[in-house]
N, C-alpha and C. Protein backbone atom coordinates (compact mmCIF):
# COMPACT_ATOMS: atom_id res chain seq x y z
N MET A 1 -9.28 96.38 -93.18
CA MET A 1 -8.51 97.28 -92.34
C MET A 1 -8.35 96.66 -90.95
N ALA A 2 -7.14 96.41 -90.60
CA ALA A 2 -6.85 95.72 -89.35
C ALA A 2 -6.42 96.70 -88.27
N LEU A 3 -6.68 96.33 -87.03
CA LEU A 3 -6.17 97.06 -85.88
C LEU A 3 -4.84 96.44 -85.49
N VAL A 4 -3.82 97.26 -85.33
CA VAL A 4 -2.49 96.79 -84.96
C VAL A 4 -2.13 97.37 -83.60
N ASP A 5 -1.73 96.51 -82.68
CA ASP A 5 -1.31 96.97 -81.36
C ASP A 5 0.08 97.60 -81.43
N LEU A 6 0.22 98.75 -80.81
CA LEU A 6 1.51 99.38 -80.59
C LEU A 6 1.91 98.99 -79.18
N THR A 7 2.98 98.22 -79.04
CA THR A 7 3.38 97.70 -77.73
C THR A 7 4.63 98.41 -77.22
N LEU A 8 4.82 98.36 -75.92
CA LEU A 8 6.03 98.94 -75.33
C LEU A 8 7.21 98.06 -75.72
N PRO A 9 8.16 98.63 -76.49
CA PRO A 9 9.31 97.82 -76.92
C PRO A 9 10.35 97.64 -75.82
N ARG A 10 11.22 96.68 -76.01
CA ARG A 10 12.36 96.45 -75.09
C ARG A 10 13.59 97.07 -75.73
N TRP A 11 14.21 98.03 -75.04
CA TRP A 11 15.40 98.70 -75.56
C TRP A 11 16.69 98.18 -74.96
N GLY A 12 16.59 97.24 -74.02
CA GLY A 12 17.78 96.66 -73.42
C GLY A 12 17.42 95.36 -72.74
N ALA A 13 18.40 94.49 -72.59
CA ALA A 13 18.14 93.16 -72.03
C ALA A 13 17.55 93.22 -70.62
N ALA A 14 17.93 94.22 -69.85
CA ALA A 14 17.46 94.30 -68.46
C ALA A 14 16.16 95.09 -68.33
N MET A 15 15.68 95.68 -69.41
CA MET A 15 14.46 96.50 -69.34
C MET A 15 13.25 95.63 -69.07
N GLU A 16 12.49 96.01 -68.04
CA GLU A 16 11.28 95.27 -67.70
C GLU A 16 10.02 96.10 -67.88
N ASP A 17 10.14 97.43 -67.71
CA ASP A 17 8.97 98.28 -67.83
C ASP A 17 9.37 99.69 -68.24
N GLY A 18 8.36 100.51 -68.50
CA GLY A 18 8.58 101.90 -68.87
C GLY A 18 7.34 102.71 -68.56
N THR A 19 7.54 104.02 -68.44
CA THR A 19 6.44 104.94 -68.14
C THR A 19 6.20 105.84 -69.35
N VAL A 20 4.97 105.83 -69.84
CA VAL A 20 4.60 106.73 -70.93
C VAL A 20 4.60 108.14 -70.35
N THR A 21 5.42 109.03 -70.93
CA THR A 21 5.48 110.39 -70.40
C THR A 21 4.60 111.36 -71.17
N ARG A 22 4.48 111.16 -72.50
CA ARG A 22 3.55 112.00 -73.25
C ARG A 22 3.26 111.41 -74.62
N TRP A 23 2.06 111.70 -75.10
CA TRP A 23 1.64 111.29 -76.44
C TRP A 23 1.86 112.47 -77.38
N LEU A 24 2.41 112.21 -78.55
CA LEU A 24 2.68 113.25 -79.52
C LEU A 24 1.57 113.37 -80.56
N LEU A 25 0.68 112.40 -80.59
CA LEU A 25 -0.45 112.39 -81.51
C LEU A 25 -1.74 112.18 -80.73
N ALA A 26 -2.84 112.61 -81.32
CA ALA A 26 -4.16 112.41 -80.72
C ALA A 26 -4.91 111.32 -81.49
N VAL A 27 -5.89 110.73 -80.85
CA VAL A 27 -6.72 109.72 -81.50
C VAL A 27 -7.33 110.33 -82.76
N GLY A 28 -7.26 109.56 -83.84
CA GLY A 28 -7.80 110.00 -85.12
C GLY A 28 -6.77 110.58 -86.07
N GLU A 29 -5.59 110.93 -85.55
CA GLU A 29 -4.55 111.51 -86.40
C GLU A 29 -3.91 110.44 -87.28
N ARG A 30 -3.53 110.85 -88.47
CA ARG A 30 -2.86 109.97 -89.44
C ARG A 30 -1.42 109.76 -89.02
N ILE A 31 -0.91 108.54 -89.20
CA ILE A 31 0.47 108.20 -88.86
C ILE A 31 1.08 107.42 -90.02
N GLU A 32 2.36 107.63 -90.22
CA GLU A 32 3.14 106.83 -91.17
C GLU A 32 4.05 105.90 -90.37
N ALA A 33 4.33 104.73 -90.89
CA ALA A 33 5.25 103.80 -90.23
C ALA A 33 6.55 104.54 -89.94
N GLY A 34 7.03 104.44 -88.71
CA GLY A 34 8.27 105.10 -88.31
C GLY A 34 8.06 106.44 -87.63
N ASP A 35 6.84 107.00 -87.71
CA ASP A 35 6.55 108.25 -87.00
C ASP A 35 6.63 108.02 -85.49
N VAL A 36 7.10 109.01 -84.77
CA VAL A 36 7.14 108.92 -83.31
C VAL A 36 5.74 109.19 -82.78
N VAL A 37 5.24 108.27 -81.95
CA VAL A 37 3.88 108.35 -81.43
C VAL A 37 3.86 108.85 -79.99
N CYS A 38 4.83 108.39 -79.19
CA CYS A 38 4.87 108.81 -77.79
C CYS A 38 6.29 108.73 -77.25
N GLU A 39 6.47 109.29 -76.05
CA GLU A 39 7.76 109.23 -75.36
C GLU A 39 7.60 108.36 -74.12
N VAL A 40 8.65 107.59 -73.84
CA VAL A 40 8.64 106.66 -72.70
C VAL A 40 9.92 106.86 -71.89
N GLU A 41 9.78 106.82 -70.60
CA GLU A 41 10.93 106.90 -69.69
C GLU A 41 11.13 105.55 -69.03
N THR A 42 12.38 105.08 -69.05
CA THR A 42 12.71 103.82 -68.38
C THR A 42 13.74 104.13 -67.31
N GLU A 43 14.18 103.10 -66.62
CA GLU A 43 15.18 103.27 -65.57
C GLU A 43 16.47 103.89 -66.11
N LYS A 44 16.80 103.57 -67.37
CA LYS A 44 18.09 104.02 -67.92
C LYS A 44 17.99 105.05 -69.04
N VAL A 45 16.87 105.10 -69.77
CA VAL A 45 16.78 106.00 -70.92
C VAL A 45 15.41 106.65 -71.04
N ASN A 46 15.39 107.75 -71.77
CA ASN A 46 14.14 108.33 -72.27
C ASN A 46 14.15 108.03 -73.75
N ALA A 47 13.07 107.48 -74.27
CA ALA A 47 13.06 107.04 -75.66
C ALA A 47 11.74 107.38 -76.32
N GLU A 48 11.74 107.28 -77.64
CA GLU A 48 10.55 107.52 -78.45
C GLU A 48 10.05 106.21 -79.02
N VAL A 49 8.74 106.03 -79.02
CA VAL A 49 8.13 104.83 -79.59
C VAL A 49 7.62 105.20 -80.98
N GLU A 50 8.01 104.40 -81.97
CA GLU A 50 7.63 104.65 -83.36
C GLU A 50 6.49 103.73 -83.79
N ALA A 51 5.69 104.23 -84.70
CA ALA A 51 4.58 103.45 -85.25
C ALA A 51 5.12 102.30 -86.11
N PRO A 52 4.60 101.09 -85.92
CA PRO A 52 5.05 99.95 -86.71
C PRO A 52 4.41 99.89 -88.09
N THR A 53 3.35 100.68 -88.29
CA THR A 53 2.60 100.64 -89.55
C THR A 53 1.95 101.99 -89.80
N SER A 54 1.46 102.20 -91.00
CA SER A 54 0.76 103.44 -91.33
C SER A 54 -0.73 103.27 -91.11
N GLY A 55 -1.41 104.38 -90.82
CA GLY A 55 -2.85 104.36 -90.61
C GLY A 55 -3.28 105.54 -89.77
N ARG A 56 -4.25 105.30 -88.89
CA ARG A 56 -4.74 106.33 -87.97
C ARG A 56 -4.64 105.81 -86.54
N LEU A 57 -4.29 106.70 -85.63
CA LEU A 57 -4.26 106.32 -84.21
C LEU A 57 -5.70 106.10 -83.77
N ALA A 58 -6.06 104.85 -83.51
CA ALA A 58 -7.44 104.49 -83.21
C ALA A 58 -7.77 104.60 -81.73
N GLU A 59 -6.78 104.31 -80.88
CA GLU A 59 -7.07 104.26 -79.44
C GLU A 59 -5.76 104.39 -78.66
N ILE A 60 -5.80 105.18 -77.60
CA ILE A 60 -4.68 105.25 -76.66
C ILE A 60 -5.09 104.44 -75.44
N LEU A 61 -4.28 103.44 -75.10
CA LEU A 61 -4.63 102.51 -74.02
C LEU A 61 -3.96 102.85 -72.69
N VAL A 62 -2.90 103.67 -72.72
CA VAL A 62 -2.12 103.96 -71.52
C VAL A 62 -1.99 105.48 -71.37
N SER A 63 -2.43 106.00 -70.25
CA SER A 63 -2.36 107.44 -69.99
C SER A 63 -0.94 107.85 -69.60
N PRO A 64 -0.58 109.11 -69.88
CA PRO A 64 0.72 109.61 -69.43
C PRO A 64 0.88 109.42 -67.91
N GLY A 65 2.09 109.01 -67.52
CA GLY A 65 2.36 108.77 -66.11
C GLY A 65 2.16 107.32 -65.70
N THR A 66 1.62 106.50 -66.60
CA THR A 66 1.36 105.10 -66.30
C THR A 66 2.57 104.24 -66.68
N THR A 67 2.95 103.35 -65.77
CA THR A 67 4.06 102.42 -66.01
C THR A 67 3.49 101.06 -66.41
N VAL A 68 4.04 100.51 -67.50
CA VAL A 68 3.60 99.20 -68.00
C VAL A 68 4.81 98.33 -68.29
N THR A 69 4.60 97.03 -68.35
CA THR A 69 5.68 96.09 -68.65
C THR A 69 5.93 96.02 -70.16
N VAL A 70 7.12 95.59 -70.53
CA VAL A 70 7.50 95.42 -71.93
C VAL A 70 6.49 94.48 -72.61
N GLY A 71 6.09 94.84 -73.82
CA GLY A 71 5.16 94.01 -74.58
C GLY A 71 3.70 94.36 -74.38
N THR A 72 3.41 95.23 -73.41
CA THR A 72 2.03 95.65 -73.16
C THR A 72 1.55 96.56 -74.28
N PRO A 73 0.35 96.31 -74.81
CA PRO A 73 -0.20 97.24 -75.81
C PRO A 73 -0.44 98.60 -75.15
N ILE A 74 0.06 99.67 -75.81
CA ILE A 74 -0.13 101.02 -75.27
C ILE A 74 -1.06 101.85 -76.15
N ALA A 75 -1.25 101.42 -77.39
CA ALA A 75 -2.16 102.10 -78.32
C ALA A 75 -2.53 101.14 -79.44
N ARG A 76 -3.52 101.54 -80.23
CA ARG A 76 -3.92 100.73 -81.40
C ARG A 76 -3.95 101.64 -82.62
N ILE A 77 -3.46 101.09 -83.73
CA ILE A 77 -3.44 101.80 -85.00
C ILE A 77 -4.37 101.09 -85.97
N GLN A 78 -5.26 101.86 -86.59
CA GLN A 78 -6.16 101.32 -87.61
C GLN A 78 -5.45 101.46 -88.95
N GLU A 79 -5.04 100.31 -89.52
CA GLU A 79 -4.37 100.35 -90.82
C GLU A 79 -5.38 100.76 -91.88
N GLU A 80 -4.89 101.51 -92.88
CA GLU A 80 -5.75 101.93 -93.98
C GLU A 80 -5.29 101.30 -95.27
N GLU A 81 -6.23 101.01 -96.13
CA GLU A 81 -5.89 100.38 -97.42
C GLU A 81 -5.47 101.42 -98.42
């Protein structure tokens, strides 16, 4: 069972960072690939971040209201076999 980083995606060529506005799941909750995990606000859009894999939300690394650069891990998902 591997830990997979959920990173802040880039939604546009000029996007450099985003602010996590709220988490829709709590640590320990089951997730399926494609489920929306959190909402992020950028300079141009409000968007939803989807899980890249199925498993359980193992750790939230970025609190709501925190701004991070593209590619920064914001959570970790524990894949299940």
